[in-house]
PDB file of all heavy atoms in Angstrom:
ATOM      1  N   ASN A   1      15.429   6.834 -17.909  1.00  0.00           N
ATOM      2  CA  ASN A   1      16.841   6.693 -18.330  1.00  0.00           C
ATOM      3  C   ASN A   1      17.695   7.248 -17.264  1.00  0.00           C
ATOM      4  O   ASN A   1      18.516   6.488 -16.681  1.00  0.00           O
ATOM      5  CB  ASN A   1      16.972   7.453 -19.644  1.00  0.00           C
ATOM      6  CG  ASN A   1      18.378   7.479 -20.198  1.00  0.00           C
ATOM      7  OD1 ASN A   1      18.711   8.320 -20.998  1.00  0.00           O
ATOM      8  ND2 ASN A   1      19.191   6.536 -19.848  1.00  0.00           N
ATOM      9  N   VAL A   2      17.536   8.434 -16.955  1.00  0.00           N
ATOM     10  CA  VAL A   2      18.244   9.123 -15.834  1.00  0.00           C
ATOM     11  C   VAL A   2      17.262   9.942 -15.073  1.00  0.00           C
ATOM     12  O   VAL A   2      16.396  10.617 -15.645  1.00  0.00           O
ATOM     13  CB  VAL A   2      19.427  10.032 -16.383  1.00  0.00           C
ATOM     14  CG1 VAL A   2      20.064  10.755 -15.231  1.00  0.00           C
ATOM     15  CG2 VAL A   2      20.455   9.159 -17.109  1.00  0.00           C
ATOM     16  N   VAL A   3      17.303   9.998 -13.744  1.00  0.00           N
ATOM     17  CA  VAL A   3      16.271  10.672 -12.957  1.00  0.00           C
ATOM     18  C   VAL A   3      16.947  11.385 -11.844  1.00  0.00           C
ATOM     19  O   VAL A   3      17.869  10.912 -11.160  1.00  0.00           O
ATOM     20  CB  VAL A   3      15.184   9.713 -12.459  1.00  0.00           C
ATOM     21  CG1 VAL A   3      15.717   8.614 -11.546  1.00  0.00           C
ATOM     22  CG2 VAL A   3      14.085  10.432 -11.746  1.00  0.00           C
ATOM     23  N   VAL A   4      16.378  12.604 -11.479  1.00  0.00           N
ATOM     24  CA  VAL A   4      16.786  13.311 -10.333  1.00  0.00           C
ATOM     25  C   VAL A   4      15.940  12.924  -9.230  1.00  0.00           C
ATOM     26  O   VAL A   4      14.721  13.043  -9.236  1.00  0.00           O
ATOM     27  CB  VAL A   4      16.670  14.871 -10.541  1.00  0.00           C
ATOM     28  CG1 VAL A   4      17.072  15.555  -9.220  1.00  0.00           C
ATOM     29  CG2 VAL A   4      17.558  15.322 -11.667  1.00  0.00           C
ATOM     30  N   SER A   5      16.467  12.296  -8.116  1.00  0.00           N
ATOM     31  CA  SER A   5      15.804  11.815  -7.014  1.00  0.00           C
ATOM     32  C   SER A   5      16.099  12.606  -5.765  1.00  0.00           C
ATOM     33  O   SER A   5      17.138  13.314  -5.776  1.00  0.00           O
ATOM     34  CB  SER A   5      16.142  10.347  -6.715  1.00  0.00           C
ATOM     35  OG  SER A   5      15.768   9.465  -7.800  1.00  0.00           O
ATOM     36  N   LEU A   6      15.232  12.545  -4.740  1.00  0.00           N
ATOM     37  CA  LEU A   6      15.505  13.306  -3.540  1.00  0.00           C
ATOM     38  C   LEU A   6      15.181  12.364  -2.356  1.00  0.00           C
ATOM     39  O   LEU A   6      14.252  11.542  -2.417  1.00  0.00           O
ATOM     40  CB  LEU A   6      14.574  14.500  -3.388  1.00  0.00           C
ATOM     41  CG  LEU A   6      14.823  15.554  -4.503  1.00  0.00           C
ATOM     42  CD1 LEU A   6      13.621  15.510  -5.514  1.00  0.00           C
ATOM     43  CD2 LEU A   6      14.983  16.947  -3.886  1.00  0.00           C
ATOM     44  N   TRP A   7      16.027  12.461  -1.391  1.00  0.00           N
ATOM     45  CA  TRP A   7      15.821  11.554  -0.174  1.00  0.00           C
ATOM     46  C   TRP A   7      16.138  12.353   1.134  1.00  0.00           C
ATOM     47  O   TRP A   7      17.114  13.054   1.209  1.00  0.00           O
ATOM     48  CB  TRP A   7      16.772  10.366  -0.273  1.00  0.00           C
ATOM     49  CG  TRP A   7      16.613   9.434   0.892  1.00  0.00           C
ATOM     50  CD1 TRP A   7      17.334   9.436   2.048  1.00  0.00           C
ATOM     51  CD2 TRP A   7      15.496   8.487   1.097  1.00  0.00           C
ATOM     52  NE1 TRP A   7      16.829   8.404   2.904  1.00  0.00           N
ATOM     53  CE2 TRP A   7      15.778   7.881   2.344  1.00  0.00           C
ATOM     54  CE3 TRP A   7      14.476   8.072   0.291  1.00  0.00           C
ATOM     55  CZ2 TRP A   7      14.907   6.862   2.828  1.00  0.00           C
ATOM     56  CZ3 TRP A   7      13.653   7.009   0.751  1.00  0.00           C
ATOM     57  CH2 TRP A   7      13.867   6.468   2.054  1.00  0.00           C
ATOM     58  N   GLY A   8      15.168  12.332   2.076  1.00  0.00           N
ATOM     59  CA  GLY A   8      15.375  12.984   3.329  1.00  0.00           C
ATOM     60  C   GLY A   8      15.608  11.856   4.366  1.00  0.00           C
ATOM     61  O   GLY A   8      14.955  10.896   4.478  1.00  0.00           O
ATOM     62  N   ALA A   9      16.629  12.129   5.235  1.00  0.00           N
ATOM     63  CA  ALA A   9      16.948  11.148   6.262  1.00  0.00           C
ATOM     64  C   ALA A   9      15.773  10.929   7.177  1.00  0.00           C
ATOM     65  O   ALA A   9      15.150  11.874   7.611  1.00  0.00           O
ATOM     66  CB  ALA A   9      18.155  11.637   7.052  1.00  0.00           C
ATOM     67  N   ASP A  10      15.490   9.639   7.484  1.00  0.00           N
ATOM     68  CA  ASP A  10      14.366   9.352   8.345  1.00  0.00           C
ATOM     69  C   ASP A  10      14.765   9.364   9.853  1.00  0.00           C
ATOM     70  O   ASP A  10      13.960   9.550  10.717  1.00  0.00           O
ATOM     71  CB  ASP A  10      13.868   7.915   8.080  1.00  0.00           C
ATOM     72  CG  ASP A  10      13.156   7.904   6.704  1.00  0.00           C
ATOM     73  OD1 ASP A  10      12.262   8.663   6.459  1.00  0.00           O
ATOM     74  OD2 ASP A  10      13.479   7.029   5.854  1.00  0.00           O
ATOM     75  N   PHE A  11      16.099   9.110  10.118  1.00  0.00           N
ATOM     76  CA  PHE A  11      16.558   9.187  11.525  1.00  0.00           C
ATOM     77  C   PHE A  11      18.004   9.556  11.517  1.00  0.00           C
ATOM     78  O   PHE A  11      18.640   9.435  10.374  1.00  0.00           O
ATOM     79  CB  PHE A  11      16.301   7.802  12.214  1.00  0.00           C
ATOM     80  CG  PHE A  11      16.753   6.605  11.466  1.00  0.00           C
ATOM     81  CD1 PHE A  11      18.082   6.087  11.648  1.00  0.00           C
ATOM     82  CD2 PHE A  11      15.921   5.959  10.523  1.00  0.00           C
ATOM     83  CE1 PHE A  11      18.477   4.990  10.900  1.00  0.00           C
ATOM     84  CE2 PHE A  11      16.384   4.849   9.816  1.00  0.00           C
ATOM     85  CZ  PHE A  11      17.639   4.375  10.001  1.00  0.00           C
ATOM     86  N   PRO A  12      18.494   9.996  12.583  1.00  0.00           N
ATOM     87  CA  PRO A  12      19.878  10.629  12.638  1.00  0.00           C
ATOM     88  C   PRO A  12      21.012   9.579  12.711  1.00  0.00           C
ATOM     89  O   PRO A  12      21.746   9.507  13.645  1.00  0.00           O
ATOM     90  CB  PRO A  12      19.880  11.499  13.858  1.00  0.00           C
ATOM     91  CG  PRO A  12      18.883  10.875  14.748  1.00  0.00           C
ATOM     92  CD  PRO A  12      17.794  10.250  13.850  1.00  0.00           C
ATOM     93  N   ASP A  13      21.095   8.798  11.584  1.00  0.00           N
ATOM     94  CA  ASP A  13      22.213   7.780  11.530  1.00  0.00           C
ATOM     95  C   ASP A  13      22.513   7.615  10.051  1.00  0.00           C
ATOM     96  O   ASP A  13      21.652   7.510   9.232  1.00  0.00           O
ATOM     97  CB  ASP A  13      21.796   6.503  12.145  1.00  0.00           C
ATOM     98  CG  ASP A  13      22.965   5.450  12.268  1.00  0.00           C
ATOM     99  OD1 ASP A  13      23.204   4.789  11.302  1.00  0.00           O
ATOM    100  OD2 ASP A  13      23.570   5.457  13.336  1.00  0.00           O
ATOM    101  N   PRO A  14      23.771   7.496   9.648  1.00  0.00           N
ATOM    102  CA  PRO A  14      24.141   7.377   8.243  1.00  0.00           C
ATOM    103  C   PRO A  14      23.441   6.228   7.513  1.00  0.00           C
ATOM    104  O   PRO A  14      23.207   6.231   6.297  1.00  0.00           O
ATOM    105  CB  PRO A  14      25.623   7.164   8.273  1.00  0.00           C
ATOM    106  CG  PRO A  14      26.137   7.810   9.473  1.00  0.00           C
ATOM    107  CD  PRO A  14      25.011   7.566  10.483  1.00  0.00           C
ATOM    108  N   ILE A  15      23.094   5.169   8.206  1.00  0.00           N
ATOM    109  CA  ILE A  15      22.539   4.025   7.613  1.00  0.00           C
ATOM    110  C   ILE A  15      21.138   4.309   6.938  1.00  0.00           C
ATOM    111  O   ILE A  15      20.764   3.579   6.065  1.00  0.00           O
ATOM    112  CB  ILE A  15      22.380   2.848   8.619  1.00  0.00           C
ATOM    113  CG1 ILE A  15      22.373   1.489   7.925  1.00  0.00           C
ATOM    114  CG2 ILE A  15      21.217   2.988   9.554  1.00  0.00           C
ATOM    115  CD1 ILE A  15      23.613   1.103   7.285  1.00  0.00           C
ATOM    116  N   THR A  16      20.504   5.349   7.485  1.00  0.00           N
ATOM    117  CA  THR A  16      19.202   5.741   6.823  1.00  0.00           C
ATOM    118  C   THR A  16      19.351   6.115   5.401  1.00  0.00           C
ATOM    119  O   THR A  16      18.397   5.874   4.620  1.00  0.00           O
ATOM    120  CB  THR A  16      18.535   6.907   7.685  1.00  0.00           C
ATOM    121  OG1 THR A  16      17.223   7.154   7.158  1.00  0.00           O
ATOM    122  CG2 THR A  16      19.391   8.178   7.462  1.00  0.00           C
ATOM    123  N   ASP A  17      20.466   6.585   5.034  1.00  0.00           N
ATOM    124  CA  ASP A  17      20.744   6.929   3.568  1.00  0.00           C
ATOM    125  C   ASP A  17      21.470   5.756   2.914  1.00  0.00           C
ATOM    126  O   ASP A  17      21.123   5.425   1.771  1.00  0.00           O
ATOM    127  CB  ASP A  17      21.620   8.132   3.531  1.00  0.00           C
ATOM    128  CG  ASP A  17      20.987   9.394   4.107  1.00  0.00           C
ATOM    129  OD1 ASP A  17      19.759   9.555   3.911  1.00  0.00           O
ATOM    130  OD2 ASP A  17      21.647  10.122   4.859  1.00  0.00           O
ATOM    131  N   LEU A  18      22.461   5.186   3.543  1.00  0.00           N
ATOM    132  CA  LEU A  18      23.333   4.231   2.882  1.00  0.00           C
ATOM    133  C   LEU A  18      22.627   2.919   2.541  1.00  0.00           C
ATOM    134  O   LEU A  18      22.910   2.306   1.508  1.00  0.00           O
ATOM    135  CB  LEU A  18      24.545   3.865   3.799  1.00  0.00           C
ATOM    136  CG  LEU A  18      25.465   5.085   4.020  1.00  0.00           C
ATOM    137  CD1 LEU A  18      26.500   4.702   5.047  1.00  0.00           C
ATOM    138  CD2 LEU A  18      26.176   5.504   2.743  1.00  0.00           C
ATOM    139  N   GLN A  19      21.656   2.497   3.318  1.00  0.00           N
ATOM    140  CA  GLN A  19      20.918   1.242   3.059  1.00  0.00           C
ATOM    141  C   GLN A  19      20.116   1.273   1.801  1.00  0.00           C
ATOM    142  O   GLN A  19      19.683   0.272   1.284  1.00  0.00           O
ATOM    143  CB  GLN A  19      20.184   0.754   4.278  1.00  0.00           C
ATOM    144  CG  GLN A  19      19.021   1.748   4.627  1.00  0.00           C
ATOM    145  CD  GLN A  19      18.324   1.364   5.960  1.00  0.00           C
ATOM    146  OE1 GLN A  19      18.580   0.296   6.509  1.00  0.00           O
ATOM    147  NE2 GLN A  19      17.591   2.316   6.556  1.00  0.00           N
ATOM    148  N   LEU A  20      19.810   2.445   1.273  1.00  0.00           N
ATOM    149  CA  LEU A  20      19.101   2.648   0.083  1.00  0.00           C
ATOM    150  C   LEU A  20      19.677   1.890  -1.064  1.00  0.00           C
ATOM    151  O   LEU A  20      18.953   1.491  -2.035  1.00  0.00           O
ATOM    152  CB  LEU A  20      18.847   4.066  -0.309  1.00  0.00           C
ATOM    153  CG  LEU A  20      18.202   4.998   0.690  1.00  0.00           C
ATOM    154  CD1 LEU A  20      18.128   6.378   0.129  1.00  0.00           C
ATOM    155  CD2 LEU A  20      16.785   4.494   1.047  1.00  0.00           C
ATOM    156  N   PHE A  21      21.006   1.751  -1.085  1.00  0.00           N
ATOM    157  CA  PHE A  21      21.721   1.332  -2.376  1.00  0.00           C
ATOM    158  C   PHE A  21      22.222  -0.064  -2.331  1.00  0.00           C
ATOM    159  O   PHE A  21      23.106  -0.441  -3.146  1.00  0.00           O
ATOM    160  CB  PHE A  21      22.713   2.372  -2.688  1.00  0.00           C
ATOM    161  CG  PHE A  21      22.127   3.710  -2.854  1.00  0.00           C
ATOM    162  CD1 PHE A  21      22.254   4.666  -1.806  1.00  0.00           C
ATOM    163  CD2 PHE A  21      21.279   4.033  -3.945  1.00  0.00           C
ATOM    164  CE1 PHE A  21      21.631   5.951  -1.932  1.00  0.00           C
ATOM    165  CE2 PHE A  21      20.611   5.261  -4.010  1.00  0.00           C
ATOM    166  CZ  PHE A  21      20.861   6.228  -3.002  1.00  0.00           C
ATOM    167  N   THR A  22      21.730  -0.872  -1.374  1.00  0.00           N
ATOM    168  CA  THR A  22      22.090  -2.289  -1.411  1.00  0.00           C
ATOM    169  C   THR A  22      21.392  -2.925  -2.602  1.00  0.00           C
ATOM    170  O   THR A  22      20.400  -2.370  -3.098  1.00  0.00           O
ATOM    171  CB  THR A  22      21.663  -3.038  -0.143  1.00  0.00           C
ATOM    172  OG1 THR A  22      20.314  -2.830   0.095  1.00  0.00           O
ATOM    173  CG2 THR A  22      22.464  -2.495   1.076  1.00  0.00           C
ATOM    174  N   SER A  23      21.836  -4.007  -3.057  1.00  0.00           N
ATOM    175  CA  SER A  23      21.309  -4.599  -4.298  1.00  0.00           C
ATOM    176  C   SER A  23      19.802  -4.896  -4.335  1.00  0.00           C
ATOM    177  O   SER A  23      19.181  -4.743  -5.365  1.00  0.00           O
ATOM    178  CB  SER A  23      22.153  -5.905  -4.636  1.00  0.00           C
ATOM    179  OG  SER A  23      23.481  -5.609  -4.824  1.00  0.00           O
ATOM    180  N   ASP A  24      19.385  -5.260  -3.136  1.00  0.00           N
ATOM    181  CA  ASP A  24      17.936  -5.643  -2.987  1.00  0.00           C
ATOM    182  C   ASP A  24      17.008  -4.597  -2.402  1.00  0.00           C
ATOM    183  O   ASP A  24      15.845  -4.873  -2.204  1.00  0.00           O
ATOM    184  CB  ASP A  24      17.757  -6.922  -2.157  1.00  0.00           C
ATOM    185  CG  ASP A  24      18.430  -6.789  -0.792  1.00  0.00           C
ATOM    186  OD1 ASP A  24      18.964  -5.731  -0.494  1.00  0.00           O
ATOM    187  OD2 ASP A  24      18.199  -7.740   0.023  1.00  0.00           O
ATOM    188  N   ASN A  25      17.548  -3.386  -2.188  1.00  0.00           N
ATOM    189  CA  ASN A  25      16.622  -2.383  -1.610  1.00  0.00           C
ATOM    190  C   ASN A  25      15.645  -1.817  -2.651  1.00  0.00           C
ATOM    191  O   ASN A  25      16.061  -1.510  -3.770  1.00  0.00           O
ATOM    192  CB  ASN A  25      17.462  -1.229  -1.060  1.00  0.00           C
ATOM    193  CG  ASN A  25      16.660  -0.341  -0.149  1.00  0.00           C
ATOM    194  OD1 ASN A  25      15.819   0.476  -0.595  1.00  0.00           O
ATOM    195  ND2 ASN A  25      16.822  -0.482   1.174  1.00  0.00           N
ATOM    196  N   SER A  26      14.419  -1.697  -2.258  1.00  0.00           N
ATOM    197  CA  SER A  26      13.359  -1.249  -3.207  1.00  0.00           C
ATOM    198  C   SER A  26      13.539   0.199  -3.618  1.00  0.00           C
ATOM    199  O   SER A  26      13.001   0.599  -4.658  1.00  0.00           O
ATOM    200  CB  SER A  26      11.965  -1.364  -2.545  1.00  0.00           C
ATOM    201  OG  SER A  26      11.899  -0.656  -1.259  1.00  0.00           O
ATOM    202  N   TYR A  27      14.354   1.020  -2.908  1.00  0.00           N
ATOM    203  CA  TYR A  27      14.586   2.310  -3.274  1.00  0.00           C
ATOM    204  C   TYR A  27      15.774   2.549  -4.235  1.00  0.00           C
ATOM    205  O   TYR A  27      16.113   3.648  -4.626  1.00  0.00           O
ATOM    206  CB  TYR A  27      14.769   3.259  -2.039  1.00  0.00           C
ATOM    207  CG  TYR A  27      13.470   3.589  -1.431  1.00  0.00           C
ATOM    208  CD1 TYR A  27      13.089   2.886  -0.273  1.00  0.00           C
ATOM    209  CD2 TYR A  27      12.679   4.639  -1.900  1.00  0.00           C
ATOM    210  CE1 TYR A  27      11.854   3.204   0.388  1.00  0.00           C
ATOM    211  CE2 TYR A  27      11.471   4.926  -1.288  1.00  0.00           C
ATOM    212  CZ  TYR A  27      11.028   4.281  -0.150  1.00  0.00           C
ATOM    213  OH  TYR A  27       9.867   4.559   0.424  1.00  0.00           O
ATOM    214  N   ASN A  28      16.446   1.448  -4.512  1.00  0.00           N
ATOM    215  CA  ASN A  28      17.608   1.429  -5.427  1.00  0.00           C
ATOM    216  C   ASN A  28      16.999   1.436  -6.831  1.00  0.00           C
ATOM    217  O   ASN A  28      17.120   0.470  -7.508  1.00  0.00           O
ATOM    218  CB  ASN A  28      18.543   0.235  -5.139  1.00  0.00           C
ATOM    219  CG  ASN A  28      19.728   0.265  -5.977  1.00  0.00           C
ATOM    220  OD1 ASN A  28      19.990   1.111  -6.761  1.00  0.00           O
ATOM    221  ND2 ASN A  28      20.595  -0.716  -5.801  1.00  0.00           N
ATOM    222  N   ASN A  29      16.508   2.572  -7.235  1.00  0.00           N
ATOM    223  CA  ASN A  29      15.832   2.638  -8.534  1.00  0.00           C
ATOM    224  C   ASN A  29      16.686   2.417  -9.710  1.00  0.00           C
ATOM    225  O   ASN A  29      16.238   1.866 -10.724  1.00  0.00           O
ATOM    226  CB  ASN A  29      15.073   4.039  -8.640  1.00  0.00           C
ATOM    227  CG  ASN A  29      13.985   4.221  -7.553  1.00  0.00           C
ATOM    228  OD1 ASN A  29      13.301   3.261  -7.233  1.00  0.00           O
ATOM    229  ND2 ASN A  29      13.985   5.425  -6.965  1.00  0.00           N
TER     230      ASN A  29
END
């Protein structure tokens, strides 16, 4: 229903975090 998630940046650029929430990203739970 609602979940607490955690994400660590893989590389030093904002896109490492931001690309998670595009409509088709597998991490957009």
